[in-house]
Protein backbone atom coordinates (compact mmCIF):
# COMPACT_ATOMS: atom_id res chain seq x y z
CA MET A 1 38.33 101.73 93.59
CA CYS A 2 35.79 104.11 93.54
CA GLY A 3 33.33 104.96 91.00
CA PHE A 4 34.81 107.93 90.56
CA ASP A 5 38.49 106.72 89.78
CA SER A 6 36.98 104.49 87.46
CA LEU A 7 35.41 107.11 85.54
CA VAL A 8 38.90 109.20 85.25
CA ILE A 9 40.47 106.14 84.04
CA PHE A 10 37.78 105.48 81.28
CA VAL A 11 38.21 109.06 80.10
CA TYR A 12 42.16 108.70 79.87
CA TYR A 13 41.39 105.27 78.20
CA LEU A 14 39.49 107.36 74.98
CA THR A 15 42.90 109.42 74.62
CA LEU A 16 45.39 106.48 74.49
CA PRO A 17 46.10 104.08 71.67
CA LEU A 18 45.08 100.44 72.35
CA LYS A 19 49.10 99.08 73.93
CA PHE A 20 48.53 101.98 76.36
CA VAL A 21 45.41 101.01 77.14
CA LEU A 22 46.25 97.18 77.68
CA PHE A 23 49.06 98.21 79.78
CA TYR A 24 47.06 99.88 82.24
CA ARG A 25 44.69 97.21 82.33
CA SER A 26 47.12 94.62 83.49
CA LEU A 27 48.74 97.66 85.46
CA LEU A 28 45.21 97.79 87.71
CA ALA A 29 45.01 94.32 87.45
CA PHE A 30 47.96 94.19 89.34
CA PHE A 31 47.28 96.53 92.15
CA ALA A 32 43.96 94.88 92.70
CA THR A 33 45.86 91.25 93.23
CA MET A 34 48.46 93.22 95.52
CA ALA A 35 45.92 95.24 97.89
CA GLU A 36 43.89 91.46 97.85
CA ALA A 37 47.15 89.53 98.94
CA PHE A 38 48.59 91.97 101.47
CA SER A 39 45.12 93.52 102.50
CA SER A 40 45.80 93.58 106.81
CA SER A 41 42.12 92.84 107.27
CA SER A 42 42.74 88.77 106.25
CA GLU A 43 44.29 87.11 109.40
CA THR A 44 46.23 84.46 107.18
CA VAL A 45 49.21 84.40 105.57
CA ILE A 46 49.50 83.36 102.22
CA ARG A 47 52.22 80.70 101.71
CA ARG A 48 53.82 79.55 98.19
CA SER A 49 56.13 76.73 97.60
CA ILE A 50 58.24 77.04 94.47
CA ASN A 51 59.87 74.44 92.78
CA VAL A 52 63.47 75.11 92.00
CA GLU A 53 65.32 73.23 89.58
CA VAL A 54 68.81 72.60 90.42
CA LYS A 55 70.93 73.92 87.25
CA ALA A 56 74.55 73.49 88.29
CA ASN A 57 77.05 74.67 85.97
CA THR A 58 79.54 71.99 86.36
CA SER A 59 78.20 68.54 84.97
CA GLY A 60 77.54 66.10 87.84
CA GLU A 61 80.52 63.59 87.08
CA LYS A 62 83.01 66.89 87.06
CA LEU A 63 81.28 68.22 90.58
CA GLU A 64 83.14 65.64 92.91
CA GLU A 65 86.69 66.55 91.20
CA PHE A 66 86.07 70.18 90.82
CA TYR A 67 84.79 70.53 94.25
CA ASP A 68 86.51 68.28 95.83
CA ILE A 69 82.93 66.67 98.08
CA LYS A 70 84.57 63.72 99.17
CA GLU A 71 87.43 64.98 100.77
CA THR A 72 85.27 67.69 102.16
CA CYS A 73 82.90 65.16 103.64
CA GLU A 74 85.69 63.40 105.31
CA PHE A 75 86.85 66.59 107.17
CA ILE A 76 83.37 67.39 108.45
CA ARG A 77 82.78 63.79 109.73
CA GLU A 78 86.62 63.65 111.37
CA HIS A 79 85.72 66.90 113.17
CA ASN A 80 82.34 65.74 114.10
CA PHE A 81 80.98 69.33 112.60
CA ASP A 82 77.01 69.35 112.76
CA LYS A 83 76.62 72.82 111.01
CA VAL A 84 78.69 73.83 107.91
CA ALA A 85 78.61 77.13 106.28
CA LEU A 86 79.85 76.87 102.65
CA GLN A 87 81.37 80.13 101.29
CA PHE A 88 81.23 80.55 97.20
CA PRO A 89 82.04 83.79 95.16
CA ASP A 90 79.41 84.82 92.95
CA GLU A 91 80.51 82.99 89.64
CA LEU A 92 80.62 79.73 91.75
CA LEU A 93 77.13 80.42 93.20
CA VAL A 94 75.39 78.10 90.31
CA ASP A 95 77.03 74.91 91.57
CA SER A 96 76.24 76.04 95.59
CA VAL A 97 73.57 74.26 95.46
CA ALA A 98 74.21 71.15 94.17
CA VAL A 99 77.42 70.97 96.14
CA ALA A 100 75.12 71.47 99.20
CA GLN A 101 73.00 68.39 98.80
CA GLU A 102 76.00 66.36 97.80
CA ILE A 103 77.53 67.16 101.38
CA GLU A 104 74.62 66.89 103.27
CA ARG A 105 74.14 63.32 101.69
CA ASN A 106 77.08 61.92 102.37
CA SER A 107 78.26 63.70 105.79
CA HIS A 108 74.88 64.36 107.45
CA ALA A 109 75.98 67.82 108.40
CA LYS A 110 73.73 70.50 107.72
CA THR A 111 74.55 72.96 105.04
CA PHE A 112 74.19 77.24 104.62
CA ILE A 113 75.03 78.90 101.69
CA LEU A 114 77.12 82.30 102.29
CA GLY A 115 76.60 83.81 98.81
CA ASP A 116 76.58 87.99 99.27
CA THR A 117 79.74 87.87 101.91
CA SER A 118 79.93 90.93 103.87
CA TYR A 119 83.16 92.32 102.55
CA GLY A 120 85.38 90.64 99.69
CA SER A 121 84.92 87.63 98.71
CA CYS A 122 88.50 86.12 99.11
CA CYS A 123 88.12 86.38 102.96
CA VAL A 124 86.73 84.15 105.22
CA ASP A 125 83.27 85.42 106.18
CA GLU A 126 83.23 84.35 109.81
CA VAL A 127 80.61 86.79 110.48
CA ALA A 128 77.77 85.71 108.47
CA ALA A 129 78.80 81.99 109.67
CA GLU A 130 78.30 82.55 113.12
CA HIS A 131 74.91 84.11 112.46
CA VAL A 132 73.63 81.08 111.61
CA GLY A 133 75.77 79.15 114.26
CA ALA A 134 77.98 77.43 112.37
CA SER A 135 80.80 75.16 113.37
CA CYS A 136 82.72 75.73 110.46
CA ILE A 137 83.49 77.30 106.91
CA VAL A 138 84.41 75.78 103.84
CA HIS A 139 85.75 78.21 101.55
CA TYR A 140 85.41 77.93 97.98
CA GLY A 141 87.25 79.77 95.22
CA SER A 142 89.93 82.55 94.99
CA ALA A 143 91.30 83.30 98.61
CA CYS A 144 93.42 86.08 100.13
CA LEU A 145 94.64 83.56 102.65
CA SER A 146 94.64 85.53 105.46
CA PRO A 147 94.98 83.95 108.53
CA SER A 148 91.83 83.91 110.98
CA ASN A 149 91.21 82.18 114.59
CA ARG A 150 87.11 82.02 115.27
CA LEU A 151 86.06 78.96 113.47
CA PRO A 152 87.81 75.94 111.73
CA VAL A 153 88.01 76.59 108.06
CA LEU A 154 88.76 74.46 104.89
CA TYR A 155 89.69 75.94 101.66
CA ILE A 156 88.61 74.33 98.88
CA PHE A 157 90.19 76.05 95.18
CA GLU A 158 89.08 75.71 92.12
CA LYS A 159 90.84 73.54 89.85
CA ARG A 160 91.43 75.31 86.79
CA PRO A 161 93.11 73.84 83.48
CA LEU A 162 96.60 74.60 83.07
CA ASP A 163 98.62 73.71 79.56
CA VAL A 164 101.87 72.77 81.65
CA GLU A 165 103.76 72.42 78.71
CA LEU A 166 102.97 75.62 77.10
CA CYS A 167 103.31 77.60 80.50
CA ALA A 168 107.05 75.63 80.81
CA SER A 169 107.89 76.93 77.16
CA SER A 170 106.69 80.37 78.03
CA PHE A 171 109.06 80.23 80.88
CA ARG A 172 111.84 78.97 79.14
CA GLU A 173 111.23 81.76 76.29
CA LEU A 174 110.88 84.81 79.13
CA TYR A 175 114.39 83.00 80.79
CA PRO A 176 116.80 81.99 78.58
CA ASP A 177 119.63 82.07 81.06
CA THR A 178 118.82 78.75 83.29
CA GLN A 179 121.15 80.26 85.76
CA THR A 180 118.69 83.25 86.76
CA HIS A 181 117.38 82.93 89.78
CA VAL A 182 113.94 82.70 89.60
CA ILE A 183 110.77 82.70 92.28
CA LEU A 184 107.73 80.69 90.91
CA LEU A 185 104.11 81.79 92.37
CA CYS A 186 100.99 80.86 91.19
CA ASP A 187 97.30 81.92 92.06
CA VAL A 188 95.66 79.28 94.57
CA ASN A 189 93.44 77.86 91.50
CA TYR A 190 96.06 76.66 89.64
CA ASN A 191 98.02 75.16 92.59
CA HIS A 192 97.20 71.68 91.82
CA ALA A 193 99.65 71.92 88.57
CA ILE A 194 102.62 73.66 89.81
CA ASP A 195 104.18 70.31 90.77
CA GLY A 196 103.97 68.93 87.06
CA LEU A 197 105.83 72.37 86.00
CA LEU A 198 108.20 72.10 88.47
CA ALA A 199 109.04 68.54 86.66
CA LEU A 200 109.53 70.15 83.60
CA LEU A 201 111.47 72.91 84.83
CA SER A 202 113.57 71.89 87.88
CA PRO A 203 116.08 69.89 85.80
CA GLU A 204 116.91 73.01 83.59
CA TYR A 205 116.95 75.58 86.37
CA PRO A 206 118.76 74.84 89.24
CA ASN A 207 118.07 78.00 90.93
CA LEU A 208 114.38 78.15 90.56
CA ALA A 209 112.37 78.57 94.05
CA VAL A 210 108.76 76.95 94.00
CA SER A 211 106.18 79.02 96.48
CA GLU A 212 103.68 76.69 98.33
CA LEU A 213 100.38 77.28 100.02
CA VAL A 214 100.30 77.80 103.67
CA VAL A 215 97.98 79.71 106.22
CA GLY A 216 98.70 80.55 110.11
CA GLY A 217 96.11 80.98 112.69
CA GLY A 218 96.36 77.48 114.20
CA GLN A 219 92.33 76.37 112.63
CA CYS A 220 93.20 76.68 108.76
CA PHE A 221 93.14 73.66 106.77
CA ILE A 222 93.88 73.00 102.99
CA HIS A 223 93.45 69.53 101.62
CA GLY A 224 91.92 68.78 104.41
CA ARG A 225 95.92 68.82 106.57
CA LYS A 226 96.40 71.62 109.04
CA GLN A 227 98.31 74.56 107.98
CA MET A 228 100.74 76.25 109.96
CA ASP A 229 103.18 79.12 109.24
CA LYS A 230 106.50 77.89 110.35
CA THR A 231 109.23 76.38 108.65
CA CYS A 232 109.17 73.23 107.23
CA PRO A 233 112.09 70.28 108.13
CA SER A 234 113.10 69.33 104.64
CA GLU A 235 114.26 72.84 103.63
CA PRO A 236 117.93 73.55 103.80
CA GLU A 237 119.77 74.50 107.10
CA ASN A 238 120.58 78.45 107.13
CA SER A 239 118.49 79.29 104.16
CA LEU A 240 116.16 82.23 104.19
CA VAL A 241 112.52 81.15 104.32
CA ILE A 242 109.77 83.74 103.64
CA SER A 243 106.32 83.88 104.54
CA GLN A 244 104.18 86.11 102.88
CA PHE A 245 100.50 86.28 101.67
CA GLY A 246 99.55 82.07 102.52
CA ARG A 247 103.12 81.47 100.43
CA ARG A 248 106.20 80.18 101.71
CA PHE A 249 109.53 79.87 99.75
CA SER A 250 113.43 79.40 100.56
CA LEU A 251 116.23 81.15 99.26
CA LYS A 252 119.45 80.08 98.86
CA CYS A 253 122.01 80.86 101.42
CA GLY A 254 123.54 84.40 100.56
CA THR A 255 120.86 85.70 98.60
CA ALA A 256 117.94 88.06 99.37
CA VAL A 257 114.40 88.77 97.60
CA THR A 258 115.97 91.12 95.55
CA ASP A 259 118.46 88.78 93.61
CA TYR A 260 115.32 86.78 92.85
CA ARG A 261 112.93 87.64 89.73
CA MET A 262 109.13 86.70 89.96
CA PHE A 263 107.21 84.39 87.50
CA TYR A 264 103.53 84.45 88.36
CA VAL A 265 101.30 81.65 86.78
CA GLY A 266 97.63 83.49 87.10
CA LEU A 267 95.21 85.74 85.52
CA GLU A 268 95.98 89.65 86.24
CA GLY A 269 94.38 91.07 89.11
CA ALA A 270 94.56 91.80 92.66
CA THR A 271 96.97 88.88 93.60
CA LEU A 272 99.59 89.97 91.14
CA ARG A 273 99.23 93.61 92.10
CA ASN A 274 99.99 92.69 95.65
CA PHE A 275 103.11 90.94 95.07
CA MET A 276 104.42 93.63 92.58
CA MET A 277 103.43 96.22 95.11
CA THR A 278 105.10 94.43 97.81
CA TRP A 279 108.31 92.85 96.05
CA ASN A 280 108.37 96.11 93.70
CA ARG A 281 112.24 95.94 93.33
CA CYS A 282 112.06 92.45 91.76
CA SER A 283 111.12 92.33 87.76
CA PHE A 284 107.87 90.11 87.24
CA CYS A 285 106.69 88.25 84.35
CA SER A 286 103.65 86.37 84.08
CA PHE A 287 101.49 83.16 82.34
CA ASP A 288 97.75 83.79 81.34
CA PRO A 289 96.52 80.20 81.41
CA VAL A 290 93.24 81.44 79.34
CA SER A 291 94.91 83.38 76.61
CA LEU A 292 97.89 81.31 76.81
CA LYS A 293 100.31 83.88 76.44
CA GLY A 294 103.44 84.94 79.14
CA ARG A 295 104.86 88.04 79.05
CA THR A 296 106.70 90.90 81.18
CA GLU A 297 104.93 93.07 83.44
CA SER A 298 105.44 96.54 81.82
CA ILE A 299 103.22 98.18 84.32
CA ASN A 300 105.58 101.21 85.73
CA VAL A 301 105.62 100.27 89.75
CA ASN A 302 107.27 103.20 89.89
CA ARG A 303 104.93 105.41 88.94
CA ALA A 304 102.28 103.54 90.81
CA LEU A 305 104.08 103.84 94.11
CA MET A 306 104.65 107.47 93.24
CA LYS A 307 100.50 107.56 93.32
CA ARG A 308 100.52 106.14 96.36
CA TYR A 309 102.68 108.31 97.92
CA TYR A 310 100.46 111.43 96.42
CA ALA A 311 97.57 109.83 98.66
CA ILE A 312 100.20 110.31 101.64
CA GLU A 313 100.47 113.85 101.26
CA ARG A 314 96.79 113.93 101.04
CA ALA A 315 96.94 112.00 104.57
CA LYS A 316 99.18 114.61 105.71
CA ASP A 317 96.72 117.79 104.80
CA ALA A 318 94.00 115.89 106.23
CA ASN A 319 92.56 117.19 109.54
CA VAL A 320 89.56 114.53 110.10
CA VAL A 321 90.29 110.70 109.00
CA GLY A 322 87.73 108.33 108.63
CA ILE A 323 88.85 104.45 109.67
CA LEU A 324 87.24 102.18 107.58
CA VAL A 325 86.82 98.46 108.84
CA GLY A 326 86.97 96.40 106.01
CA THR A 327 87.33 93.04 107.47
CA LEU A 328 85.93 91.60 110.71
CA GLY A 329 87.82 88.21 110.25
CA VAL A 330 91.61 88.94 109.72
CA VAL A 331 93.61 88.29 112.39
CA ASP A 332 94.84 91.71 114.90
CA TYR A 333 91.99 94.01 113.03
CA LEU A 334 91.24 94.95 116.40
CA SER A 335 94.94 96.14 117.22
CA ILE A 336 95.86 98.01 113.93
CA ILE A 337 92.31 99.51 114.59
CA GLN A 338 93.52 100.99 118.17
CA GLN A 339 97.20 101.75 116.71
CA LEU A 340 95.77 103.60 114.00
CA LYS A 341 93.70 105.93 116.44
CA GLU A 342 96.59 106.65 118.96
CA THR A 343 98.92 107.39 115.83
CA ILE A 344 96.22 109.40 113.84
CA HIS A 345 95.54 111.66 117.51
CA ARG A 346 99.42 111.86 118.06
CA ALA A 347 99.52 113.53 114.80
CA GLY A 348 96.96 116.51 116.07
CA LYS A 349 93.96 114.71 113.63
CA LYS A 350 90.40 113.83 114.29
CA SER A 351 89.50 110.38 113.68
CA TYR A 352 86.07 108.48 113.24
CA MET A 353 85.82 104.77 112.78
CA PHE A 354 83.03 103.31 110.38
CA LEU A 355 81.59 99.83 109.28
CA MET A 356 79.69 99.75 106.52
CA GLY A 357 80.47 96.42 104.48
CA LYS A 358 81.59 96.63 100.84
CA LEU A 359 82.39 99.95 99.75
CA ASN A 360 80.87 102.20 97.29
CA VAL A 361 80.85 105.60 96.22
CA PRO A 362 77.36 107.05 97.58
CA LYS A 363 78.30 105.57 100.87
CA LEU A 364 80.93 106.93 101.43
CA ALA A 365 79.70 110.57 99.79
CA ASN A 366 77.55 110.56 102.82
CA PHE A 367 80.63 111.82 105.02
CA MET A 368 81.81 114.84 103.55
CA GLU A 369 83.24 116.25 106.59
CA ILE A 370 85.84 113.21 106.38
CA ASP A 371 89.23 114.59 104.55
CA ILE A 372 90.31 110.90 104.05
CA PHE A 373 89.93 107.39 104.45
CA VAL A 374 92.08 104.83 105.90
CA LEU A 375 90.90 101.06 104.86
CA ILE A 376 91.59 98.22 106.90
CA ALA A 377 91.15 94.90 104.73
CA CYS A 378 93.31 92.11 103.82
CA PRO A 379 96.07 92.40 101.80
CA GLU A 380 94.55 92.39 98.43
CA ASN A 381 91.53 94.57 99.09
CA SER A 382 93.58 97.37 100.84
CA LEU A 383 95.01 98.49 97.57
CA LEU A 384 91.67 100.34 96.40
CA ASP A 385 91.78 102.51 93.38
CA SER A 386 89.96 105.68 95.03
CA SER A 387 89.70 107.47 91.42
CA GLU A 388 85.99 107.44 91.70
CA PHE A 389 85.41 108.42 95.17
CA TYR A 390 85.17 111.69 96.20
CA LYS A 391 87.63 111.50 99.04
CA PRO A 392 91.25 109.51 99.06
CA ILE A 393 91.21 106.04 100.25
CA VAL A 394 94.78 105.04 101.91
CA THR A 395 95.73 102.07 103.70
CA PRO A 396 97.59 101.67 107.17
CA PHE A 397 100.79 101.34 106.07
CA GLU A 398 100.65 105.23 104.08
CA MET A 399 98.75 106.50 106.91
CA GLU A 400 101.52 105.67 109.27
CA VAL A 401 103.94 107.37 106.94
CA ALA A 402 101.76 110.39 106.64
CA CYS A 403 101.64 110.76 111.11
CA ASN A 404 104.21 108.88 112.40
CA LYS A 405 107.12 111.13 112.19
CA LYS A 406 109.89 108.35 112.60
CA ARG A 407 108.78 106.04 109.85
CA GLU A 408 110.10 107.56 106.44
CA TRP A 409 109.51 106.81 102.76
CA SER A 410 112.01 104.30 101.56
CA GLY A 411 110.78 102.73 98.90
CA GLU A 412 109.47 99.80 100.53
CA TYR A 413 105.40 99.36 100.79
CA VAL A 414 103.37 97.15 103.09
CA THR A 415 100.23 95.82 102.44
CA ASP A 416 99.84 93.62 105.28
CA PHE A 417 98.85 95.44 108.11
CA ARG A 418 100.01 92.97 110.97
CA HIS A 419 103.56 93.81 110.10
CA LEU A 420 102.86 97.25 111.26
CA LEU A 421 101.96 95.75 114.99
CA PRO A 422 104.81 95.51 117.52
CA GLY A 423 106.70 92.28 116.65
CA GLY A 424 106.11 92.54 113.12
CA GLY A 425 108.67 93.02 110.43
CA SER A 426 107.75 96.47 109.88
CA HIS A 427 106.98 97.94 112.66
CA VAL A 428 108.03 101.35 114.16
CA PRO A 429 107.44 102.85 117.31
CA LEU A 430 105.71 106.18 117.58
CA ALA A 431 107.55 108.94 119.34
CA ASP A 432 108.05 109.46 122.53
CA GLN A 433 105.74 112.13 124.51
CA GLN A 434 108.75 114.45 124.97
CA GLU A 435 110.12 114.18 121.47
CA ASP A 436 106.52 115.97 120.60
CA VAL A 437 106.91 119.05 122.45
CA ASP A 438 109.20 120.51 119.75
CA ASP A 439 106.95 121.10 116.95
CA GLU A 440 107.97 120.93 113.48
CA THR A 441 105.95 122.55 110.72
CA ASP A 442 106.14 121.82 107.24
CA VAL A 443 105.41 122.87 103.60
CA SER A 444 102.45 120.95 102.35
CA LEU A 445 103.34 119.83 98.39
CA ILE A 446 99.70 120.01 97.52
CA THR A 447 98.15 123.11 98.56
CA GLY A 448 101.74 125.04 99.77
CA ALA A 449 100.49 125.74 103.22
CA LEU A 450 102.35 125.25 106.11
CA ARG A 451 101.32 122.14 108.21
CA SER A 452 102.26 120.84 111.45
CA GLN A 453 102.29 117.35 113.02
CA ASN A 454 102.28 117.46 116.88
CA LEU A 455 100.71 115.94 119.37
CA MET A 456 97.82 118.20 121.04
CA ASN A 457 99.39 119.08 124.36
CA SER A 458 97.01 121.91 125.53
CA GLU A 459 93.68 121.20 127.22
CA PRO A 460 90.76 122.28 124.94
CA VAL A 461 89.12 125.61 125.61
CA GLU A 462 85.56 126.06 124.58
CA SER A 463 84.82 128.49 122.20
CA SER A 464 81.43 130.77 121.66
CA PHE A 465 80.79 128.52 118.51
CA GLY A 466 80.20 125.35 120.69
CA SER A 467 83.47 123.85 119.13
CA SER A 468 86.54 123.68 121.02
CA VAL A 469 89.77 124.89 120.04
CA VAL A 470 93.54 124.00 121.70
CA LEU A 471 96.89 126.18 121.69
CA ARG A 472 99.25 123.90 119.40
CA ASN A 473 102.46 126.06 119.79
CA GLN A 474 103.76 129.94 118.90
CA THR A 475 103.87 129.35 115.29
CA LEU A 476 100.20 127.90 114.77
CA THR A 477 97.96 130.27 116.75
CA VAL A 478 95.14 127.34 117.57
CA ALA A 479 94.16 124.18 115.97
CA ASN A 480 90.42 123.43 115.78
CA ALA A 481 89.85 120.08 117.80
CA ASP A 482 86.51 119.14 116.68
CA SER A 483 86.97 119.58 112.77
CA ALA A 484 83.68 117.31 112.22
CA ALA A 485 81.32 119.63 114.60
CA SER A 486 82.64 122.66 113.07
CA PHE A 487 82.01 121.42 109.58
CA LEU A 488 78.31 120.59 110.79
CA ALA A 489 77.77 124.27 111.72
CA GLY A 490 78.91 125.82 108.80
CA ARG A 491 76.36 123.93 106.53
CA SER A 492 73.85 125.72 104.87
CA TRP A 493 71.45 122.97 106.18
CA ARG A 494 71.98 120.06 109.01
CA GLY A 495 68.96 118.53 109.29
CA LEU A 496 65.45 118.47 111.02
CA GLU A 497 65.20 121.07 113.70
CA PRO A 498 64.27 119.42 116.76
CA ALA A 499 62.29 122.29 117.66
CA LEU A 500 62.39 121.86 121.10
CA GLY A 501 59.45 123.78 123.21
CA ASP A 502 57.68 124.56 120.71
CA ALA A 503 55.25 121.52 119.46
CA PRO A 504 52.65 121.47 122.21
CA VAL A 505 52.06 118.37 124.48
CA VAL A 506 49.44 115.59 123.78
CA LYS A 507 48.15 112.66 125.12
CA VAL A 508 49.23 109.51 123.54
CA VAL A 509 46.72 108.14 121.08
CA GLU A 510 46.26 104.93 119.01
CA GLY A 511 47.63 104.92 115.70
CA ARG A 512 46.66 103.55 112.21
CA LYS A 513 47.08 99.70 111.72
CA GLY A 514 48.20 97.86 109.03
CA ILE A 515 50.14 98.74 105.74
CA ALA A 516 50.02 101.58 103.57
CA ILE A 517 48.15 100.23 100.60
CA ALA A 518 45.01 99.34 103.03
CA TYR A 519 44.94 100.52 106.36
CA GLU A 520 42.10 99.15 108.90
CA ASP A 521 40.18 102.45 109.30
CA GLU A 522 39.98 102.99 105.78
CA GLY A 523 36.72 102.09 103.83
CA THR A 524 36.77 99.75 100.78
CA SER A 525 35.28 100.24 97.53
């Protein structure tokens, strides 16, 4: 520090109270230390080792039972995995180091802890695991059970406590009629106690159907056993088997899902919301294992569906659509992207694809030219509340309702995008090219303006403004075919001007070396 700077600081000291003087002294000492540590003139690299004390939230004697360490090690040894990625949600990271040490000690495999997942913690982060060259993934905690194909996955669920007696008592109060048809669902973290609950209720309720956890994909394992999404041989013949969201249950002959009521064991959250939106014609009851209370779910599903229908109307009005890639691990995510791009194009809209990891308001606020976003994610993460975002965020199903003239709103709601693909139970093919020639206009329920859903059937015509326009039909004269470029042209500030040809041409010179705190060509004082 030069003498002039020292004089200025000293004079400033005289006008400050003592506590501020002490603060500035410590601040000056800090910067002096940083300048010395990060000085580029030093050729040595500072290395410091920090002793981290492992503090596990779960006690040592319960660690084995809670995380199934013995079973995990047997799974690793059986398949000869040498590098194992351990994926933990945020609430279980406190135990991650202790679990990794136990697994390495008993299986002799190298472990890597995946803490901050690329997307939702319920999904398997195969991308992060491939970055470290892992040969398998052990996924802990809550899971959406979406199928994946890249790496073998072992699911280890939390064994959260459940008062089975109190849960059964609450079930009897909510369903006093023992002949009621009920489907028993649960969060994955309470699946270990379902057999005990079923043993108490099945003698009294002959029409009780219980769901079991099952995952497709061919490389997913639960409790060390490979899980395949297929019919179990022990199920009765001619029974209707439902496999959805990693659950499978069989219904009695002659019955449908709408003939049953749903009883959910678990906390209120994305899993329950996903079930209620999908099976929106069934009444739901739930039991909260934390508060130890059962209740009839009073959420107005019809009102929630109307909110989603409003988002569909916004999607119909949109000209520019942003496709948000919210997963890189769920099977067929590339297929749904391609299908969405084709569907949006056939509706006369422009689409742009974005890959940005976890979503937040500031990220999406950077793209004001986008009218609406469509999120491709697992079923539990698709139903995103976009009230805080500047532009609505819809699901692939909602975008198809808005753009595919053959798909009509019937009250059915699809959260799993795989069902929208060819071969899926909710697939609706696009209209033929000939059917798109005759354009149909309707009135927007939001703006009151005329809108058209038609395949752009003319070649683009270059305009004097640099953007292209196309002729749609005789009713609507022209339609902008490059809305994002037109939006940029209409903005008052469009970024830094390139000023091509204005800057003089100079020879290449050697630049400054070092870091901003201490360049090598700067003198020290």
